[in-house]
Each structure stands twice: as C-alpha cells, then as structure tokens.
Amino acid sequence: MDNRKKNIIYSIILITSVFAVWLYRKNQAPEPMLIEGKTMGTTYHITYFDDQRRNFKASVDSLLEVVNQSINTYLPNSDITLFNKGARSFAFSLPYFLPVLRKSQEVFAASSGAFDPTVMPLVNAWGFGPAEPLNPGNLQVDSIRDFVGFEKIQFNKDSVWKTDSRTQLDFGGIGQGYGADVVTEFLKAKGIVNMLVELGGEGMACGINLKTQKPWEIGILDPASTRDNLFFKAYISLKDKSFTTSGNYFNYREVDGKKFSHTIDPESGYPVRKEILSASVFAADGITADAWATAFMVMGHERAIEILNTRKDLDGLIIYSDEQGTQQVFITDGIKKNVVVN
C-alpha cells in the first residue's frame, strides 16, 4: 500500500475517532458543581452546571456575609441591629436593605398587615429572637402592640426612620428568600443558566437539571415529620421559579408544657394558632415567595387560598387540618400538573 493511501486511511481513522469521542462526551450527562456552607443561622446548598468548572464558593460566602451585615438581627453591628437600637433614623450604605424594605411595604399592604416585619419586639418577647425572652404568662402584649405596625416605618433610597422610637424590624420572614435571590443574580451574572440555589429550604430553580435533562425536583416536608424522622408530603418539578415553605415544624418554644409557634400574629400579638400547617409559595423571585409564605401562615388557610385564587403571580401548596383533624392539601392550578402528593 503506498503512502498516499495509508495517509488517507489514517486520516479517516483519526477523524472517526475524534468524532466518536465528541459524540461520547456529548451524550455523557455533565457533572454539576456542588457548593454548600452556612449563613443566616442555617445552611445553603447550590447545584449548578458550568462548562468552565468554576468554584464560586468563596464569592458566595463573601456575598452572603455582606447580606447578613445588612439584614441579620443576630449580628450586633449589622445595619438592622443599629437601626433597631437607634431612636429614630438610620442611613444605610449597603445595597441590601432597601429592596427588603420595599418588598415588605408591598406585601404588608397587600396582605392587610399579615406580613409585618415590625413584629420584632413580639418575636423577642416570645423567645424567638436574639433578645432574652420574657415570660409569656406576664407579657404585656397590648402595650407592645402599640409600637408594632409597618406604617410606623418610612424610608427613602438611602435612609430608614421610625415614627415611634420603640419600633424595630425583623426580616426573618423574608431574609432567606432574599439571600437566595442575591446569590442567584450573582451566578446569572457569571453566565450560569442551569442551577438550584437553596438557602434554609428556600431558593430558586433556574433552567433544568442537565444531569437528568428534566426540571429541578423539590421536596415539601410533611408537617407530621419529626427531627428524627423526616419525610416528604409532596414533590414538585420547577423551572425558573422560586420556592419557599413556611411551617411550624420544629421551631417552637415550650413553656409550662405549652407549645408556642414561632409565627407571631401582628394583630393579636400572640403566636399563631390556626389550622394551617405549612404554606409553600412559588413566585418569580424568592423574596416575594418568602414574604407571602409568612403572611399565609399568619392569616390561615382559608384567606391564603382566597388570595392564591386571585393572584396570577403566585402559586402555592397549602397543607392544613380539617375539622376532623385530617390533613388536607390545596394546590393552585398553575402548578398542579407538576406536583406529586404522597
């Protein structure tokens, strides 16, 4: 065989081999990047697909540290702590205070006050905040309620002030959803399209899971779960949607044999005692979903279902007890086809 024919054969073999390798790699499911850490008194887990295999953990940790420095009441020198300690006004320099104030004002009005971050003094009094708890049996709830109400908060683009010096803010009912939004926007700016960002059980599902070539699947914890026996009530497939679940689950305080929910009703001043067991909300962003899930836990399942049936920007899965004490599940039409209930 002459050299010319040999070269042609070798070239064909080489091209075929290169094509076979390319085809194999193309058909192989890509491996996701996985990063995790701690923030806001909880944990975060992020799964994303990146052809460059970049590890963003250090950047995410730094970003969340700044968010915490803005809205975390457990940090002694955070913006929100300094505002709460102050008598009137506070000028904030970090960019993460204003968006939470704006969303709080929006949902406070739309929920008729069910979502109200000025509930902070009551959260502390009932033992669910950074301050030393009072004895609920001796609480002067009515006197505390005098300075609770978001109408006592005013703000502009760089400052926030209060009309009553005793008023305080608590973004615990909205902060984790917002933190997930901040991380999601950071990763999008880096060119990440397919990702699942989860922060304390709340977060954002963007694109699809390239490993399975399907939307991301989220589990919704059964309210009957215990710390030692966790199981899911439902699973939902999500694409380009935020997710959050509020429920009493394990976050309660027991005094003299009585359990007190961590969800405080701003109107009554007492922990919520309603038939609603958990509220899962899905929206365009985490801050909206988080705020509304908190509001639904306060107002109860009947009012929550009414609102979900009238708003096209929200989807929800509400778990509640009926008059016989049996668990019931309400699912909005917008996500019903994506939900599997156990």
Protein backbone atom coordinates (compact mmCIF):
# COMPACT_ATOMS: atom_id res chain seq x y z
CA MET A 1 0.00 0.00 0.00
CA ASP A 2 1.51 3.34 -0.98
CA ASN A 3 1.96 6.19 1.46
CA ARG A 4 -0.85 8.24 -0.05
CA LYS A 5 -3.43 5.53 0.64
CA LYS A 6 -2.00 4.97 4.10
CA ASN A 7 -2.35 8.68 4.92
CA ILE A 8 -5.94 8.70 3.71
CA ILE A 9 -6.79 5.67 5.86
CA TYR A 10 -5.03 7.16 8.92
CA SER A 11 -6.90 10.44 8.39
CA ILE A 12 -10.25 8.64 8.21
CA ILE A 13 -9.45 6.66 11.36
CA LEU A 14 -8.36 9.83 13.18
CA ILE A 15 -11.47 11.78 12.15
CA THR A 16 -13.70 8.86 13.10
CA SER A 17 -12.00 8.57 16.49
CA VAL A 18 -12.30 12.28 17.20
CA PHE A 19 -15.99 12.20 16.21
CA ALA A 20 -16.61 9.17 18.41
CA VAL A 21 -15.01 10.89 21.42
CA TRP A 22 -17.02 14.06 20.76
CA LEU A 23 -20.23 12.06 20.44
CA TYR A 24 -19.47 10.15 23.66
CA ARG A 25 -18.82 13.32 25.58
CA LYS A 26 -21.91 14.95 24.13
CA ASN A 27 -24.11 12.07 25.23
CA GLN A 28 -22.50 11.87 28.67
CA ALA A 29 -24.52 13.71 31.33
CA PRO A 30 -22.46 16.66 32.59
CA GLU A 31 -21.42 16.66 36.22
CA PRO A 32 -22.77 19.55 38.27
CA MET A 33 -20.78 21.76 40.58
CA LEU A 34 -21.87 21.46 44.22
CA ILE A 35 -21.11 24.05 46.90
CA GLU A 36 -22.50 24.41 50.40
CA GLY A 37 -21.96 26.42 53.55
CA LYS A 38 -23.58 28.19 56.48
CA THR A 39 -25.38 31.51 56.59
CA MET A 40 -28.27 33.27 58.37
CA GLY A 41 -28.31 30.66 61.11
CA THR A 42 -28.90 27.89 58.60
CA THR A 43 -27.17 26.18 55.66
CA TYR A 44 -27.09 26.70 51.92
CA HIS A 45 -26.67 24.21 49.08
CA ILE A 46 -26.11 25.22 45.48
CA THR A 47 -26.02 22.96 42.43
CA TYR A 48 -25.07 24.46 39.09
CA PHE A 49 -23.69 23.48 35.71
CA ASP A 50 -20.64 25.29 34.35
CA ASP A 51 -18.57 24.22 31.37
CA GLN A 52 -15.59 26.01 32.90
CA ARG A 53 -15.97 24.12 36.22
CA ARG A 54 -15.59 27.31 38.23
CA ASN A 55 -15.98 27.11 42.00
CA PHE A 56 -17.88 30.13 43.30
CA LYS A 57 -17.98 29.16 46.99
CA ALA A 58 -15.61 31.89 48.19
CA SER A 59 -17.55 34.53 46.26
CA VAL A 60 -20.91 33.26 47.50
CA ASP A 61 -19.69 33.22 51.11
CA SER A 62 -18.41 36.78 50.80
CA LEU A 63 -21.65 37.94 49.21
CA LEU A 64 -23.83 36.36 51.89
CA GLU A 65 -21.62 37.84 54.59
CA VAL A 66 -22.44 41.32 53.29
CA VAL A 67 -26.16 40.50 53.06
CA ASN A 68 -26.03 39.34 56.68
CA GLN A 69 -24.25 42.52 57.69
CA SER A 70 -27.22 44.39 56.29
CA ILE A 71 -30.32 42.47 57.49
CA ASN A 72 -29.34 39.91 60.16
CA THR A 73 -30.68 40.86 63.61
CA TYR A 74 -28.31 38.41 65.34
CA LEU A 75 -25.24 40.43 64.31
CA PRO A 76 -24.55 43.18 66.88
CA ASN A 77 -23.31 45.71 64.32
CA SER A 78 -25.49 44.90 61.32
CA ASP A 79 -27.47 47.71 59.71
CA ILE A 80 -30.77 46.37 61.01
CA THR A 81 -29.44 45.97 64.56
CA LEU A 82 -28.11 49.54 64.57
CA PHE A 83 -31.48 50.77 63.31
CA ASN A 84 -33.34 48.79 65.99
CA LYS A 85 -31.12 50.20 68.74
CA GLY A 86 -31.44 53.75 67.44
CA ALA A 87 -34.11 56.21 68.44
CA ARG A 88 -35.19 57.40 65.02
CA SER A 89 -33.33 57.23 61.72
CA PHE A 90 -30.53 55.25 60.14
CA ALA A 91 -28.62 55.85 56.90
CA PHE A 92 -27.69 52.55 55.26
CA SER A 93 -24.71 52.22 52.93
CA LEU A 94 -25.06 48.57 51.89
CA PRO A 95 -27.32 47.82 48.90
CA TYR A 96 -29.34 45.05 50.55
CA PHE A 97 -31.53 46.97 52.98
CA LEU A 98 -33.68 48.94 50.54
CA PRO A 99 -35.03 46.01 48.44
CA VAL A 100 -36.23 44.25 51.60
CA LEU A 101 -37.93 47.41 52.85
CA ARG A 102 -39.70 47.90 49.52
CA LYS A 103 -40.94 44.31 49.34
CA SER A 104 -42.01 44.44 53.00
CA GLN A 105 -44.07 47.56 52.34
CA GLU A 106 -45.65 45.94 49.28
CA VAL A 107 -46.66 42.67 50.96
CA PHE A 108 -47.67 44.39 54.21
CA ALA A 109 -50.24 46.40 52.26
CA ALA A 110 -51.39 43.53 50.02
CA SER A 111 -51.79 41.12 52.96
CA SER A 112 -53.63 43.65 55.15
CA GLY A 113 -50.80 43.55 57.66
CA ALA A 114 -50.44 39.77 57.96
CA PHE A 115 -46.83 40.18 56.86
CA ASP A 116 -45.29 42.78 59.14
CA PRO A 117 -41.53 42.89 59.90
CA THR A 118 -42.09 45.34 62.78
CA VAL A 119 -43.25 42.31 64.78
CA MET A 120 -39.67 42.14 66.12
CA PRO A 121 -40.49 43.21 69.73
CA LEU A 122 -43.11 40.44 69.94
CA VAL A 123 -40.73 37.90 68.38
CA ASN A 124 -38.22 38.76 71.10
CA ALA A 125 -40.81 38.69 73.86
CA TRP A 126 -41.98 35.20 72.90
CA GLY A 127 -38.41 33.91 72.80
CA PHE A 128 -37.80 33.63 69.05
CA GLY A 129 -35.32 36.47 68.61
CA PRO A 130 -31.86 37.49 69.77
CA ALA A 131 -33.12 39.19 72.96
CA GLU A 132 -33.75 37.48 76.29
CA PRO A 133 -37.33 36.12 76.22
CA LEU A 134 -39.98 37.33 78.63
CA ASN A 135 -42.32 35.01 80.48
CA PRO A 136 -45.38 34.70 78.18
CA GLY A 137 -47.63 34.47 81.20
CA ASN A 138 -46.64 38.01 82.18
CA LEU A 139 -46.47 39.56 78.73
CA GLN A 140 -47.99 42.97 78.32
CA VAL A 141 -48.94 42.15 74.75
CA ASP A 142 -51.23 45.13 74.25
CA SER A 143 -48.53 47.61 75.28
CA ILE A 144 -46.04 46.03 72.87
CA ARG A 145 -48.57 46.11 70.05
CA ASP A 146 -48.74 49.89 70.43
CA PHE A 147 -45.42 50.22 68.61
CA VAL A 148 -45.87 47.36 66.12
CA GLY A 149 -47.02 48.22 62.58
CA PHE A 150 -45.14 48.84 59.35
CA GLU A 151 -46.97 52.14 58.92
CA LYS A 152 -44.55 53.38 61.60
CA ILE A 153 -41.63 52.80 59.19
CA GLN A 154 -40.67 55.31 56.50
CA PHE A 155 -37.74 55.22 54.12
CA ASN A 156 -36.13 56.63 51.01
CA LYS A 157 -33.32 55.37 48.79
CA ASP A 158 -30.61 55.65 51.45
CA SER A 159 -32.29 56.02 54.85
CA VAL A 160 -34.95 54.45 57.05
CA TRP A 161 -36.63 56.02 60.07
CA LYS A 162 -39.41 55.25 62.56
CA THR A 163 -42.20 57.39 63.95
CA ASP A 164 -42.00 55.57 67.29
CA SER A 165 -38.56 55.11 68.85
CA ARG A 166 -39.56 51.66 70.22
CA THR A 167 -40.37 50.20 66.78
CA GLN A 168 -37.98 47.53 65.49
CA LEU A 169 -37.57 45.48 62.33
CA ASP A 170 -37.15 41.74 61.87
CA PHE A 171 -36.52 40.38 58.36
CA GLY A 172 -36.56 36.74 59.47
CA GLY A 173 -39.74 36.15 57.45
CA ILE A 174 -38.21 37.39 54.21
CA GLY A 175 -34.42 37.35 54.54
CA GLN A 176 -33.58 33.81 53.42
CA GLY A 177 -35.62 34.14 50.24
CA TYR A 178 -33.89 37.43 49.51
CA GLY A 179 -30.47 35.91 50.21
CA ALA A 180 -31.20 33.19 47.66
CA ASP A 181 -32.16 35.88 45.13
CA VAL A 182 -28.88 37.72 45.65
CA VAL A 183 -26.87 34.54 45.08
CA THR A 184 -28.95 33.62 42.03
CA GLU A 185 -28.38 37.00 40.42
CA PHE A 186 -24.65 36.74 41.10
CA LEU A 187 -24.45 33.34 39.39
CA LYS A 188 -26.53 34.56 36.44
CA ALA A 189 -24.05 37.42 36.02
CA LYS A 190 -21.31 34.79 35.77
CA GLY A 191 -23.15 33.11 32.90
CA ILE A 192 -24.76 30.28 34.87
CA VAL A 193 -28.12 29.28 33.37
CA ASN A 194 -28.97 25.95 35.00
CA MET A 195 -28.86 25.98 38.78
CA LEU A 196 -30.66 25.16 42.00
CA VAL A 197 -29.99 27.62 44.81
CA GLU A 198 -31.28 26.55 48.23
CA LEU A 199 -30.85 28.57 51.41
CA GLY A 200 -32.55 27.23 54.52
CA GLY A 201 -35.04 25.29 52.42
CA GLU A 202 -35.87 28.29 50.24
CA GLY A 203 -34.43 29.33 46.95
CA MET A 204 -34.57 29.39 43.18
CA ALA A 205 -34.71 26.76 40.44
CA CYS A 206 -33.31 28.10 37.16
CA GLY A 207 -33.21 26.23 33.86
CA ILE A 208 -33.10 22.46 34.19
CA ASN A 209 -31.04 19.73 35.81
CA LEU A 210 -28.72 18.83 32.94
CA LYS A 211 -27.85 15.57 34.68
CA THR A 212 -31.42 14.31 34.23
CA GLN A 213 -32.47 16.65 31.41
CA LYS A 214 -35.56 17.45 33.49
CA PRO A 215 -36.77 20.35 35.63
CA TRP A 216 -35.46 20.52 39.18
CA GLU A 217 -37.41 18.49 41.74
CA ILE A 218 -38.18 19.96 45.16
CA GLY A 219 -39.50 18.03 48.15
CA ILE A 220 -42.04 19.58 50.53
CA LEU A 221 -41.64 18.32 54.08
CA ASP A 222 -44.65 16.68 55.71
CA PRO A 223 -45.79 18.72 58.76
CA ALA A 224 -46.04 15.44 60.68
CA SER A 225 -42.27 14.97 60.39
CA THR A 226 -40.06 14.99 63.44
CA ARG A 227 -36.38 15.89 63.70
CA ASP A 228 -35.53 12.19 63.78
CA ASN A 229 -37.98 11.15 61.08
CA LEU A 230 -38.15 13.49 58.10
CA PHE A 231 -40.39 12.61 55.18
CA PHE A 232 -41.98 14.49 52.30
CA LYS A 233 -45.62 15.23 51.71
CA ALA A 234 -45.18 16.23 48.08
CA TYR A 235 -42.68 16.68 45.27
CA ILE A 236 -42.81 19.44 42.69
CA SER A 237 -40.93 19.98 39.43
CA LEU A 238 -39.77 23.56 38.95
CA LYS A 239 -38.14 25.57 36.19
CA ASP A 240 -37.36 29.28 36.53
CA LYS A 241 -39.36 29.56 39.76
CA SER A 242 -38.55 30.42 43.34
CA PHE A 243 -39.71 28.18 46.16
CA THR A 244 -40.24 28.60 49.88
CA THR A 245 -42.09 26.78 52.64
CA SER A 246 -43.16 28.24 55.95
CA GLY A 247 -44.40 25.95 58.69
CA ASN A 248 -44.18 25.47 62.40
CA TYR A 249 -42.43 22.10 62.10
CA PHE A 250 -39.68 22.18 64.76
CA ASN A 251 -39.41 25.89 65.50
CA TYR A 252 -41.49 26.36 68.62
CA ARG A 253 -40.94 27.22 72.25
CA GLU A 254 -42.37 25.21 75.12
CA VAL A 255 -43.33 26.93 78.38
CA ASP A 256 -45.10 25.15 81.23
CA GLY A 257 -45.99 22.29 78.91
CA LYS A 258 -47.50 24.56 76.23
CA LYS A 259 -46.04 24.88 72.74
CA PHE A 260 -45.82 28.32 71.19
CA SER A 261 -45.41 28.72 67.42
CA HIS A 262 -42.57 30.92 66.13
CA THR A 263 -45.06 32.61 63.77
CA ILE A 264 -46.43 35.68 65.57
CA ASP A 265 -49.71 37.31 64.56
CA PRO A 266 -49.01 41.08 64.45
CA GLU A 267 -52.68 41.87 65.07
CA SER A 268 -53.20 39.79 68.21
CA GLY A 269 -49.60 39.82 69.40
CA TYR A 270 -49.73 36.11 70.14
CA PRO A 271 -48.26 33.06 68.39
CA VAL A 272 -50.47 31.82 65.56
CA ARG A 273 -52.86 29.00 66.41
CA LYS A 274 -54.66 28.12 63.19
CA GLU A 275 -55.43 25.01 61.16
CA ILE A 276 -52.79 25.83 58.56
CA LEU A 277 -49.76 23.54 58.92
CA SER A 278 -47.48 24.77 56.14
CA ALA A 279 -47.51 27.17 53.23
CA SER A 280 -45.33 26.60 50.17
CA VAL A 281 -45.23 29.51 47.73
CA PHE A 282 -43.73 29.72 44.24
CA ALA A 283 -43.08 33.03 42.50
CA ALA A 284 -40.72 34.83 40.16
CA ASP A 285 -38.28 35.56 42.99
CA GLY A 286 -37.52 34.27 46.46
CA ILE A 287 -38.17 37.50 48.34
CA THR A 288 -41.79 37.56 47.13
CA ALA A 289 -42.39 33.88 47.83
CA ASP A 290 -40.84 34.11 51.30
CA ALA A 291 -42.88 37.14 52.36
CA TRP A 292 -46.17 35.64 51.18
CA ALA A 293 -45.49 32.26 52.80
CA THR A 294 -45.03 34.08 56.11
CA ALA A 295 -48.23 36.06 55.54
CA PHE A 296 -50.21 32.90 54.74
CA MET A 297 -49.10 31.23 57.97
CA VAL A 298 -50.39 34.26 59.88
CA MET A 299 -53.74 34.62 58.10
CA GLY A 300 -54.62 30.92 57.90
CA HIS A 301 -55.52 28.59 55.05
CA GLU A 302 -58.93 29.99 54.12
CA ARG A 303 -57.71 33.52 53.47
CA ALA A 304 -54.49 32.20 51.91
CA ILE A 305 -56.47 30.13 49.40
CA GLU A 306 -58.65 33.13 48.55
CA ILE A 307 -55.57 35.21 47.75
CA LEU A 308 -53.88 32.44 45.76
CA ASN A 309 -57.03 32.05 43.65
CA THR A 310 -56.94 35.73 42.70
CA ARG A 311 -53.22 36.34 42.09
CA LYS A 312 -51.58 35.11 38.89
CA ASP A 313 -48.07 35.95 40.13
CA LEU A 314 -48.22 33.40 42.96
CA ASP A 315 -48.63 29.65 43.10
CA GLY A 316 -48.99 27.71 46.29
CA LEU A 317 -49.38 24.41 48.08
CA ILE A 318 -51.17 24.76 51.41
CA ILE A 319 -51.33 21.93 53.95
CA TYR A 320 -53.96 22.29 56.67
CA SER A 321 -56.11 20.32 59.08
CA ASP A 322 -59.85 19.99 58.51
CA GLU A 323 -62.50 19.87 61.25
CA GLN A 324 -61.79 16.16 61.81
CA GLY A 325 -58.07 16.81 62.20
CA THR A 326 -57.23 15.19 58.86
CA GLN A 327 -54.51 16.68 56.68
CA GLN A 328 -55.77 18.37 53.54
CA VAL A 329 -53.78 19.80 50.63
CA PHE A 330 -54.69 22.74 48.38
CA ILE A 331 -52.68 23.25 45.17
CA THR A 332 -53.10 26.13 42.73
CA ASP A 333 -53.96 25.24 39.14
CA GLY A 334 -50.74 26.83 37.86
CA ILE A 335 -48.52 24.11 39.38
CA LYS A 336 -50.93 21.23 39.91
CA LYS A 337 -49.63 19.26 36.92
CA ASN A 338 -46.08 19.47 38.34
CA VAL A 339 -46.93 18.17 41.82
CA VAL A 340 -46.98 14.61 43.14
CA VAL A 341 -48.62 14.23 46.57
CA ASN A 342 -47.81 11.23 48.74
